[in-house]
Amino acid sequence: ASGLSFSTYRMGWFRQAPGKEREFVAGISRSGRSG
């Protein structure tokens, strides 16, 4: 990632198979005490 304050953003991975809608796969929260 570049051009954004990365640690303040929640990040996710999505995927899209042929003929299907894009779906959520995994996410990780912003930085913080939770890690």
Full PDB file with SEQRES, HELIX, SHEET, SSBOND, CRYST1, ORIGX, SCALE, CONECT and MASTER records, all heavy atoms in Angstrom:
SEQRES   1 A   35  ALA SER GLY LEU SER PHE SER THR TYR ARG MET GLY TRP          
SEQRES   2 A   35  PHE ARG GLN ALA PRO GLY LYS GLU ARG GLU PHE VAL ALA          
SEQRES   3 A   35  GLY ILE SER ARG SER GLY ARG SER GLY                          
HELIX    1 AA1 PHE A    6  THR A    8  5                                   3    
SHEET    1 AA1 2 MET A  11  ARG A  15  0                                        
SHEET    2 AA1 2 GLU A  23  ILE A  28 -1                                        
CRYST1    1.000    1.000    1.000  90.00  90.00  90.00 P 1           1          
ORIGX1      1.000000  0.000000  0.000000        0.00000                         
ORIGX2      0.000000  1.000000  0.000000        0.00000                         
ORIGX3      0.000000  0.000000  1.000000        0.00000                         
SCALE1      1.000000  0.000000  0.000000        0.00000                         
SCALE2      0.000000  1.000000  0.000000        0.00000                         
SCALE3      0.000000  0.000000  1.000000        0.00000                         
ATOM      1  N   ALA A   1       0.836  -1.200   0.000  1.00  0.00           N  
ATOM      2  CA  ALA A   1       0.000   0.000   0.000  1.00  0.00           C  
ATOM      3  C   ALA A   1       0.867   1.243   0.000  1.00  0.00           C  
ATOM      4  O   ALA A   1       1.920   1.278   0.641  1.00  0.00           O  
ATOM      5  CB  ALA A   1      -0.918   0.001   1.211  1.00  0.00           C  
ATOM      6  N   SER A   2       0.420   2.254  -0.712  1.00  0.00           N  
ATOM      7  CA  SER A   2       1.120   3.532  -0.724  1.00  0.00           C  
ATOM      8  C   SER A   2       0.110   4.655  -0.903  1.00  0.00           C  
ATOM      9  O   SER A   2      -0.984   4.449  -1.436  1.00  0.00           O  
ATOM     10  CB  SER A   2       2.164   3.566  -1.844  1.00  0.00           C  
ATOM     11  OG  SER A   2       1.551   3.403  -3.111  1.00  0.00           O  
ATOM     12  N   GLY A   3       0.488   5.839  -0.420  1.00  0.00           N  
ATOM     13  CA  GLY A   3      -0.354   7.007  -0.606  1.00  0.00           C  
ATOM     14  C   GLY A   3      -1.466   7.164   0.407  1.00  0.00           C  
ATOM     15  O   GLY A   3      -2.345   8.011   0.230  1.00  0.00           O  
ATOM     16  N   LEU A   4      -1.453   6.344   1.460  1.00  0.00           N  
ATOM     17  CA  LEU A   4      -2.459   6.467   2.515  1.00  0.00           C  
ATOM     18  C   LEU A   4      -1.805   6.210   3.862  1.00  0.00           C  
ATOM     19  O   LEU A   4      -0.709   5.640   3.918  1.00  0.00           O  
ATOM     20  CB  LEU A   4      -3.621   5.485   2.281  1.00  0.00           C  
ATOM     21  CG  LEU A   4      -3.422   3.990   2.593  1.00  0.00           C  
ATOM     22  CD1 LEU A   4      -4.783   3.275   2.542  1.00  0.00           C  
ATOM     23  CD2 LEU A   4      -2.459   3.335   1.671  1.00  0.00           C  
ATOM     24  N   SER A   5      -2.483   6.679   4.910  1.00  0.00           N  
ATOM     25  CA  SER A   5      -1.997   6.428   6.256  1.00  0.00           C  
ATOM     26  C   SER A   5      -2.381   5.000   6.617  1.00  0.00           C  
ATOM     27  O   SER A   5      -3.432   4.749   7.214  1.00  0.00           O  
ATOM     28  CB  SER A   5      -2.616   7.429   7.226  1.00  0.00           C  
ATOM     29  OG  SER A   5      -2.097   7.244   8.527  1.00  0.00           O  
ATOM     30  N   PHE A   6      -1.511   4.077   6.262  1.00  0.00           N  
ATOM     31  CA  PHE A   6      -1.853   2.661   6.233  1.00  0.00           C  
ATOM     32  C   PHE A   6      -2.366   2.157   7.573  1.00  0.00           C  
ATOM     33  O   PHE A   6      -3.348   1.407   7.621  1.00  0.00           O  
ATOM     34  CB  PHE A   6      -0.619   1.866   5.803  1.00  0.00           C  
ATOM     35  CG  PHE A   6      -0.830   0.390   5.719  1.00  0.00           C  
ATOM     36  CD1 PHE A   6      -1.556  -0.165   4.684  1.00  0.00           C  
ATOM     37  CD2 PHE A   6      -0.305  -0.457   6.688  1.00  0.00           C  
ATOM     38  CE1 PHE A   6      -1.755  -1.533   4.598  1.00  0.00           C  
ATOM     39  CE2 PHE A   6      -0.493  -1.829   6.619  1.00  0.00           C  
ATOM     40  CZ  PHE A   6      -1.224  -2.362   5.566  1.00  0.00           C  
ATOM     41  N   SER A   7      -1.730   2.546   8.663  1.00  0.00           N  
ATOM     42  CA  SER A   7      -2.088   1.996   9.959  1.00  0.00           C  
ATOM     43  C   SER A   7      -3.479   2.422  10.424  1.00  0.00           C  
ATOM     44  O   SER A   7      -4.018   1.844  11.365  1.00  0.00           O  
ATOM     45  CB  SER A   7      -1.050   2.394  11.022  1.00  0.00           C  
ATOM     46  OG  SER A   7      -1.053   3.798  11.207  1.00  0.00           O  
ATOM     47  N   THR A   8      -4.067   3.412   9.775  1.00  0.00           N  
ATOM     48  CA  THR A   8      -5.400   3.870  10.168  1.00  0.00           C  
ATOM     49  C   THR A   8      -6.505   3.208   9.351  1.00  0.00           C  
ATOM     50  O   THR A   8      -7.671   3.548   9.506  1.00  0.00           O  
ATOM     51  CB  THR A   8      -5.526   5.396  10.042  1.00  0.00           C  
ATOM     52  OG1 THR A   8      -5.462   5.771   8.654  1.00  0.00           O  
ATOM     53  CG2 THR A   8      -4.432   6.115  10.813  1.00  0.00           C  
ATOM     54  N   TYR A   9      -6.137   2.296   8.477  1.00  0.00           N  
ATOM     55  CA  TYR A   9      -7.112   1.622   7.621  1.00  0.00           C  
ATOM     56  C   TYR A   9      -7.280   0.158   8.008  1.00  0.00           C  
ATOM     57  O   TYR A   9      -6.299  -0.549   8.260  1.00  0.00           O  
ATOM     58  CB  TYR A   9      -6.695   1.696   6.148  1.00  0.00           C  
ATOM     59  CG  TYR A   9      -7.042   3.002   5.497  1.00  0.00           C  
ATOM     60  CD1 TYR A   9      -6.263   4.128   5.706  1.00  0.00           C  
ATOM     61  CD2 TYR A   9      -8.177   3.113   4.694  1.00  0.00           C  
ATOM     62  CE1 TYR A   9      -6.591   5.335   5.123  1.00  0.00           C  
ATOM     63  CE2 TYR A   9      -8.512   4.311   4.107  1.00  0.00           C  
ATOM     64  CZ  TYR A   9      -7.707   5.423   4.323  1.00  0.00           C  
ATOM     65  OH  TYR A   9      -8.047   6.619   3.746  1.00  0.00           O  
ATOM     66  N   ARG A  10      -8.522  -0.277   8.037  1.00  0.00           N  
ATOM     67  CA  ARG A  10      -8.857  -1.686   8.080  1.00  0.00           C  
ATOM     68  C   ARG A  10      -8.538  -2.253   6.696  1.00  0.00           C  
ATOM     69  O   ARG A  10      -8.841  -1.641   5.689  1.00  0.00           O  
ATOM     70  CB  ARG A  10     -10.344  -1.821   8.399  1.00  0.00           C  
ATOM     71  CG  ARG A  10     -10.920  -3.189   8.226  1.00  0.00           C  
ATOM     72  CD  ARG A  10     -12.436  -3.138   8.355  1.00  0.00           C  
ATOM     73  NE  ARG A  10     -12.883  -3.020   9.734  1.00  0.00           N  
ATOM     74  CZ  ARG A  10     -14.144  -3.160  10.103  1.00  0.00           C  
ATOM     75  NH1 ARG A  10     -15.083  -3.423   9.208  1.00  0.00           N  
ATOM     76  NH2 ARG A  10     -14.503  -3.041  11.370  1.00  0.00           N  
ATOM     77  N   MET A  11      -7.929  -3.435   6.665  1.00  0.00           N  
ATOM     78  CA  MET A  11      -7.548  -4.054   5.392  1.00  0.00           C  
ATOM     79  C   MET A  11      -8.297  -5.365   5.193  1.00  0.00           C  
ATOM     80  O   MET A  11      -8.540  -6.105   6.144  1.00  0.00           O  
ATOM     81  CB  MET A  11      -6.045  -4.320   5.353  1.00  0.00           C  
ATOM     82  CG  MET A  11      -5.192  -3.066   5.453  1.00  0.00           C  
ATOM     83  SD  MET A  11      -5.486  -1.905   4.116  1.00  0.00           S  
ATOM     84  CE  MET A  11      -4.956  -2.862   2.690  1.00  0.00           C  
ATOM     85  N   GLY A  12      -8.637  -5.625   3.952  1.00  0.00           N  
ATOM     86  CA  GLY A  12      -9.356  -6.849   3.638  1.00  0.00           C  
ATOM     87  C   GLY A  12      -8.857  -7.502   2.369  1.00  0.00           C  
ATOM     88  O   GLY A  12      -8.229  -6.857   1.529  1.00  0.00           O  
ATOM     89  N   TRP A  13      -9.140  -8.798   2.277  1.00  0.00           N  
ATOM     90  CA  TRP A  13      -8.931  -9.548   1.047  1.00  0.00           C  
ATOM     91  C   TRP A  13     -10.297 -10.033   0.558  1.00  0.00           C  
ATOM     92  O   TRP A  13     -11.088 -10.560   1.338  1.00  0.00           O  
ATOM     93  CB  TRP A  13      -8.016 -10.749   1.265  1.00  0.00           C  
ATOM     94  CG  TRP A  13      -6.566 -10.410   1.399  1.00  0.00           C  
ATOM     95  CD1 TRP A  13      -5.872 -10.239   2.555  1.00  0.00           C  
ATOM     96  CD2 TRP A  13      -5.631 -10.207   0.336  1.00  0.00           C  
ATOM     97  NE1 TRP A  13      -4.562  -9.927   2.287  1.00  0.00           N  
ATOM     98  CE2 TRP A  13      -4.383  -9.910   0.923  1.00  0.00           C  
ATOM     99  CE3 TRP A  13      -5.720 -10.242  -1.059  1.00  0.00           C  
ATOM    100  CZ2 TRP A  13      -3.237  -9.650   0.166  1.00  0.00           C  
ATOM    101  CZ3 TRP A  13      -4.576  -9.993  -1.807  1.00  0.00           C  
ATOM    102  CH2 TRP A  13      -3.354  -9.703  -1.196  1.00  0.00           C  
ATOM    103  N   PHE A  14     -10.546  -9.842  -0.710  1.00  0.00           N  
ATOM    104  CA  PHE A  14     -11.747 -10.321  -1.374  1.00  0.00           C  
ATOM    105  C   PHE A  14     -11.324 -11.220  -2.530  1.00  0.00           C  
ATOM    106  O   PHE A  14     -10.173 -11.210  -2.950  1.00  0.00           O  
ATOM    107  CB  PHE A  14     -12.568  -9.151  -1.924  1.00  0.00           C  
ATOM    108  CG  PHE A  14     -13.255  -8.320  -0.874  1.00  0.00           C  
ATOM    109  CD1 PHE A  14     -12.540  -7.460  -0.061  1.00  0.00           C  
ATOM    110  CD2 PHE A  14     -14.629  -8.398  -0.702  1.00  0.00           C  
ATOM    111  CE1 PHE A  14     -13.178  -6.695   0.909  1.00  0.00           C  
ATOM    112  CE2 PHE A  14     -15.278  -7.633   0.256  1.00  0.00           C  
ATOM    113  CZ  PHE A  14     -14.550  -6.775   1.057  1.00  0.00           C  
ATOM    114  N   ARG A  15     -12.265 -11.968  -3.051  1.00  0.00           N  
ATOM    115  CA  ARG A  15     -11.980 -12.772  -4.232  1.00  0.00           C  
ATOM    116  C   ARG A  15     -13.211 -12.822  -5.126  1.00  0.00           C  
ATOM    117  O   ARG A  15     -14.336 -12.665  -4.672  1.00  0.00           O  
ATOM    118  CB  ARG A  15     -11.541 -14.192  -3.861  1.00  0.00           C  
ATOM    119  CG  ARG A  15     -12.616 -15.040  -3.189  1.00  0.00           C  
ATOM    120  CD  ARG A  15     -12.007 -16.358  -2.715  1.00  0.00           C  
ATOM    121  NE  ARG A  15     -12.981 -17.212  -2.046  1.00  0.00           N  
ATOM    122  CZ  ARG A  15     -12.683 -18.343  -1.430  1.00  0.00           C  
ATOM    123  NH1 ARG A  15     -11.419 -18.769  -1.374  1.00  0.00           N  
ATOM    124  NH2 ARG A  15     -13.632 -19.064  -0.845  1.00  0.00           N  
ATOM    125  N   GLN A  16     -12.939 -13.049  -6.412  1.00  0.00           N  
ATOM    126  CA  GLN A  16     -14.027 -13.154  -7.381  1.00  0.00           C  
ATOM    127  C   GLN A  16     -13.710 -14.272  -8.349  1.00  0.00           C  
ATOM    128  O   GLN A  16     -12.700 -14.218  -9.075  1.00  0.00           O  
ATOM    129  CB  GLN A  16     -14.233 -11.838  -8.131  1.00  0.00           C  
ATOM    130  CG  GLN A  16     -15.453 -11.842  -9.033  1.00  0.00           C  
ATOM    131  CD  GLN A  16     -15.827 -10.445  -9.495  1.00  0.00           C  
ATOM    132  OE1 GLN A  16     -15.045  -9.507  -9.431  1.00  0.00           O  
ATOM    133  NE2 GLN A  16     -17.063 -10.298  -9.944  1.00  0.00           N  
ATOM    134  N   ALA A  17     -14.551 -15.285  -8.331  1.00  0.00           N  
ATOM    135  CA  ALA A  17     -14.419 -16.405  -9.251  1.00  0.00           C  
ATOM    136  C   ALA A  17     -15.227 -16.110 -10.515  1.00  0.00           C  
ATOM    137  O   ALA A  17     -16.161 -15.299 -10.476  1.00  0.00           O  
ATOM    138  CB  ALA A  17     -14.917 -17.684  -8.589  1.00  0.00           C  
ATOM    139  N   PRO A  18     -14.894 -16.761 -11.619  1.00  0.00           N  
ATOM    140  CA  PRO A  18     -15.623 -16.519 -12.872  1.00  0.00           C  
ATOM    141  C   PRO A  18     -17.112 -16.743 -12.704  1.00  0.00           C  
ATOM    142  O   PRO A  18     -17.543 -17.777 -12.170  1.00  0.00           O  
ATOM    143  CB  PRO A  18     -15.012 -17.543 -13.833  1.00  0.00           C  
ATOM    144  CG  PRO A  18     -13.652 -17.785 -13.300  1.00  0.00           C  
ATOM    145  CD  PRO A  18     -13.774 -17.693 -11.818  1.00  0.00           C  
ATOM    146  N   GLY A  19     -17.903 -15.783 -13.135  1.00  0.00           N  
ATOM    147  CA  GLY A  19     -19.344 -15.903 -13.071  1.00  0.00           C  
ATOM    148  C   GLY A  19     -19.952 -15.687 -11.709  1.00  0.00           C  
ATOM    149  O   GLY A  19     -21.161 -15.863 -11.531  1.00  0.00           O  
ATOM    150  N   LYS A  20     -19.129 -15.316 -10.729  1.00  0.00           N  
ATOM    151  CA  LYS A  20     -19.630 -15.115  -9.372  1.00  0.00           C  
ATOM    152  C   LYS A  20     -19.364 -13.689  -8.912  1.00  0.00           C  
ATOM    153  O   LYS A  20     -18.525 -12.983  -9.467  1.00  0.00           O  
ATOM    154  CB  LYS A  20     -18.981 -16.105  -8.414  1.00  0.00           C  
ATOM    155  CG  LYS A  20     -19.335 -17.560  -8.693  1.00  0.00           C  
ATOM    156  CD  LYS A  20     -18.791 -18.470  -7.616  1.00  0.00           C  
ATOM    157  CE  LYS A  20     -19.208 -19.916  -7.850  1.00  0.00           C  
ATOM    158  NZ  LYS A  20     -18.695 -20.810  -6.768  1.00  0.00           N  
ATOM    159  N   GLU A  21     -20.073 -13.295  -7.868  1.00  0.00           N  
ATOM    160  CA  GLU A  21     -19.862 -11.973  -7.307  1.00  0.00           C  
ATOM    161  C   GLU A  21     -18.595 -11.958  -6.450  1.00  0.00           C  
ATOM    162  O   GLU A  21     -18.145 -12.986  -5.954  1.00  0.00           O  
ATOM    163  CB  GLU A  21     -21.069 -11.574  -6.456  1.00  0.00           C  
ATOM    164  CG  GLU A  21     -22.343 -11.370  -7.251  1.00  0.00           C  
ATOM    165  CD  GLU A  21     -23.469 -10.820  -6.396  1.00  0.00           C  
ATOM    166  OE1 GLU A  21     -23.292 -10.715  -5.170  1.00  0.00           O  
ATOM    167  OE2 GLU A  21     -24.530 -10.502  -6.962  1.00  0.00           O  
ATOM    168  N   ARG A  22     -18.065 -10.759  -6.282  1.00  0.00           N  
ATOM    169  CA  ARG A  22     -16.912 -10.605  -5.413  1.00  0.00           C  
ATOM    170  C   ARG A  22     -17.335 -10.895  -3.976  1.00  0.00           C  
ATOM    171  O   ARG A  22     -18.361 -10.426  -3.521  1.00  0.00           O  
ATOM    172  CB  ARG A  22     -16.359  -9.188  -5.532  1.00  0.00           C  
ATOM    173  CG  ARG A  22     -15.018  -8.983  -4.866  1.00  0.00           C  
ATOM    174  CD  ARG A  22     -14.435  -7.631  -5.207  1.00  0.00           C  
ATOM    175  NE  ARG A  22     -14.191  -7.520  -6.641  1.00  0.00           N  
ATOM    176  CZ  ARG A  22     -13.524  -6.494  -7.202  1.00  0.00           C  
ATOM    177  NH1 ARG A  22     -13.040  -5.526  -6.431  1.00  0.00           N  
ATOM    178  NH2 ARG A  22     -13.344  -6.447  -8.496  1.00  0.00           N  
ATOM    179  N   GLU A  23     -16.519 -11.677  -3.265  1.00  0.00           N  
ATOM    180  CA  GLU A  23     -16.859 -12.037  -1.900  1.00  0.00           C  
ATOM    181  C   GLU A  23     -15.713 -11.732  -0.943  1.00  0.00           C  
ATOM    182  O   GLU A  23     -14.542 -11.805  -1.298  1.00  0.00           O  
ATOM    183  CB  GLU A  23     -17.215 -13.533  -1.800  1.00  0.00           C  
ATOM    184  CG  GLU A  23     -16.082 -14.481  -2.074  1.00  0.00           C  
ATOM    185  CD  GLU A  23     -16.398 -15.920  -1.694  1.00  0.00           C  
ATOM    186  OE1 GLU A  23     -17.416 -16.162  -0.999  1.00  0.00           O  
ATOM    187  OE2 GLU A  23     -15.619 -16.819  -2.080  1.00  0.00           O  
ATOM    188  N   PHE A  24     -16.094 -11.408   0.288  1.00  0.00           N  
ATOM    189  CA  PHE A  24     -15.128 -11.155   1.339  1.00  0.00           C  
ATOM    190  C   PHE A  24     -14.449 -12.452   1.739  1.00  0.00           C  
ATOM    191  O   PHE A  24     -15.087 -13.493   1.852  1.00  0.00           O  
ATOM    192  CB  PHE A  24     -15.848 -10.546   2.542  1.00  0.00           C  
ATOM    193  CG  PHE A  24     -14.999 -10.409   3.767  1.00  0.00           C  
ATOM    194  CD1 PHE A  24     -14.142  -9.338   3.922  1.00  0.00           C  
ATOM    195  CD2 PHE A  24     -15.063 -11.361   4.767  1.00  0.00           C  
ATOM    196  CE1 PHE A  24     -13.361  -9.213   5.063  1.00  0.00           C  
ATOM    197  CE2 PHE A  24     -14.292 -11.250   5.914  1.00  0.00           C  
ATOM    198  CZ  PHE A  24     -13.437 -10.168   6.049  1.00  0.00           C  
ATOM    199  N   VAL A  25     -13.131 -12.384   1.981  1.00  0.00           N  
ATOM    200  CA  VAL A  25     -12.362 -13.559   2.398  1.00  0.00           C  
ATOM    201  C   VAL A  25     -11.823 -13.382   3.808  1.00  0.00           C  
ATOM    202  O   VAL A  25     -12.036 -14.233   4.681  1.00  0.00           O  
ATOM    203  CB  VAL A  25     -11.187 -13.820   1.427  1.00  0.00           C  
ATOM    204  CG1 VAL A  25     -10.322 -14.975   1.932  1.00  0.00           C  
ATOM    205  CG2 VAL A  25     -11.703 -14.104   0.026  1.00  0.00           C  
ATOM    206  N   ALA A  26     -11.126 -12.273   4.057  1.00  0.00           N  
ATOM    207  CA  ALA A  26     -10.488 -12.070   5.356  1.00  0.00           C  
ATOM    208  C   ALA A  26     -10.264 -10.586   5.579  1.00  0.00           C  
ATOM    209  O   ALA A  26     -10.098  -9.828   4.622  1.00  0.00           O  
ATOM    210  CB  ALA A  26      -9.165 -12.813   5.433  1.00  0.00           C  
ATOM    211  N   GLY A  27     -10.234 -10.192   6.858  1.00  0.00           N  
ATOM    212  CA  GLY A  27      -9.990  -8.807   7.188  1.00  0.00           C  
ATOM    213  C   GLY A  27      -9.158  -8.685   8.450  1.00  0.00           C  
ATOM    214  O   GLY A  27      -9.142  -9.595   9.281  1.00  0.00           O  
ATOM    215  N   ILE A  28      -8.467  -7.555   8.579  1.00  0.00           N  
ATOM    216  CA  ILE A  28      -7.661  -7.278   9.760  1.00  0.00           C  
ATOM    217  C   ILE A  28      -7.872  -5.825  10.140  1.00  0.00           C  
ATOM    218  O   ILE A  28      -7.908  -4.937   9.283  1.00  0.00           O  
ATOM    219  CB  ILE A  28      -6.176  -7.627   9.531  1.00  0.00           C  
ATOM    220  CG1 ILE A  28      -5.381  -7.509  10.834  1.00  0.00           C  
ATOM    221  CG2 ILE A  28      -5.566  -6.777   8.424  1.00  0.00           C  
ATOM    222  CD1 ILE A  28      -4.007  -8.176  10.756  1.00  0.00           C  
ATOM    223  N   SER A  29      -8.026  -5.603  11.423  1.00  0.00           N  
ATOM    224  CA  SER A  29      -8.375  -4.265  11.892  1.00  0.00           C  
ATOM    225  C   SER A  29      -7.185  -3.318  11.844  1.00  0.00           C  
ATOM    226  O   SER A  29      -6.053  -3.714  11.606  1.00  0.00           O  
ATOM    227  CB  SER A  29      -8.899  -4.357  13.325  1.00  0.00           C  
ATOM    228  OG  SER A  29      -7.873  -4.782  14.191  1.00  0.00           O  
ATOM    229  N   ARG A  30      -7.496  -2.060  12.111  1.00  0.00           N  
ATOM    230  CA  ARG A  30      -6.455  -1.061  12.227  1.00  0.00           C  
ATOM    231  C   ARG A  30      -5.501  -1.412  13.351  1.00  0.00           C  
ATOM    232  O   ARG A  30      -5.831  -2.212  14.219  1.00  0.00           O  
ATOM    233  CB  ARG A  30      -7.094   0.294  12.530  1.00  0.00           C  
ATOM    234  CG  ARG A  30      -8.006   0.814  11.469  1.00  0.00           C  
ATOM    235  CD  ARG A  30      -8.937   1.894  11.976  1.00  0.00           C  
ATOM    236  NE  ARG A  30      -8.265   2.877  12.798  1.00  0.00           N  
ATOM    237  CZ  ARG A  30      -8.722   4.113  12.971  1.00  0.00           C  
ATOM    238  NH1 ARG A  30      -9.824   4.502  12.382  1.00  0.00           N  
ATOM    239  NH2 ARG A  30      -8.092   4.952  13.758  1.00  0.00           N  
ATOM    240  N   SER A  31      -4.352  -0.754  13.349  1.00  0.00           N  
ATOM    241  CA  SER A  31      -3.397  -0.979  14.427  1.00  0.00           C  
ATOM    242  C   SER A  31      -3.988  -0.482  15.734  1.00  0.00           C  
ATOM    243  O   SER A  31      -4.890   0.351  15.758  1.00  0.00           O  
ATOM    244  CB  SER A  31      -2.096  -0.241  14.149  1.00  0.00           C  
ATOM    245  OG  SER A  31      -2.335   1.156  14.094  1.00  0.00           O  
ATOM    246  N   GLY A  32      -3.501  -0.989  16.784  1.00  0.00           N  
ATOM    247  CA  GLY A  32      -3.992  -0.599  18.089  1.00  0.00           C  
ATOM    248  C   GLY A  32      -3.539  -1.597  19.123  1.00  0.00           C  
ATOM    249  O   GLY A  32      -2.770  -2.501  18.832  1.00  0.00           O  
ATOM    250  N   ARG A  33      -4.028  -1.438  20.335  1.00  0.00           N  
ATOM    251  CA  ARG A  33      -3.611  -2.329  21.403  1.00  0.00           C  
ATOM    252  C   ARG A  33      -3.990  -3.769  21.116  1.00  0.00           C  
ATOM    253  O   ARG A  33      -3.343  -4.706  21.567  1.00  0.00           O  
ATOM    254  CB  ARG A  33      -4.206  -1.883  22.732  1.00  0.00           C  
ATOM    255  CG  ARG A  33      -3.572  -0.616  23.276  1.00  0.00           C  
ATOM    256  CD  ARG A  33      -4.187  -0.236  24.615  1.00  0.00           C  
ATOM    257  NE  ARG A  33      -5.581   0.117  24.467  1.00  0.00           N  
ATOM    258  CZ  ARG A  33      -6.369   0.413  25.507  1.00  0.00           C  
ATOM    259  NH1 ARG A  33      -5.910   0.358  26.733  1.00  0.00           N  
ATOM    260  NH2 ARG A  33      -7.625   0.737  25.290  1.00  0.00           N  
ATOM    261  N   SER A  34      -5.047  -3.940  20.318  1.00  0.00           N  
ATOM    262  CA  SER A  34      -5.476  -5.302  19.990  1.00  0.00           C  
ATOM    263  C   SER A  34      -4.489  -6.007  19.090  1.00  0.00           C  
ATOM    264  O   SER A  34      -4.519  -7.225  18.949  1.00  0.00           O  
ATOM    265  CB  SER A  34      -6.844  -5.262  19.316  1.00  0.00           C  
ATOM    266  OG  SER A  34      -6.742  -4.608  18.064  1.00  0.00           O  
ATOM    267  N   GLY A  35      -3.644  -5.248  18.422  1.00  0.00           N  
ATOM    268  CA  GLY A  35      -2.662  -5.876  17.564  1.00  0.00           C  
ATOM    269  C   GLY A  35      -3.208  -6.334  16.248  1.00  0.00           C  
ATOM    270  O   GLY A  35      -2.506  -7.010  15.498  1.00  0.00           O  
TER     271      GLY A  35                                                      
MASTER        0    0    0    1    2    0    0    6  270    1    0    3          
END                                                                             
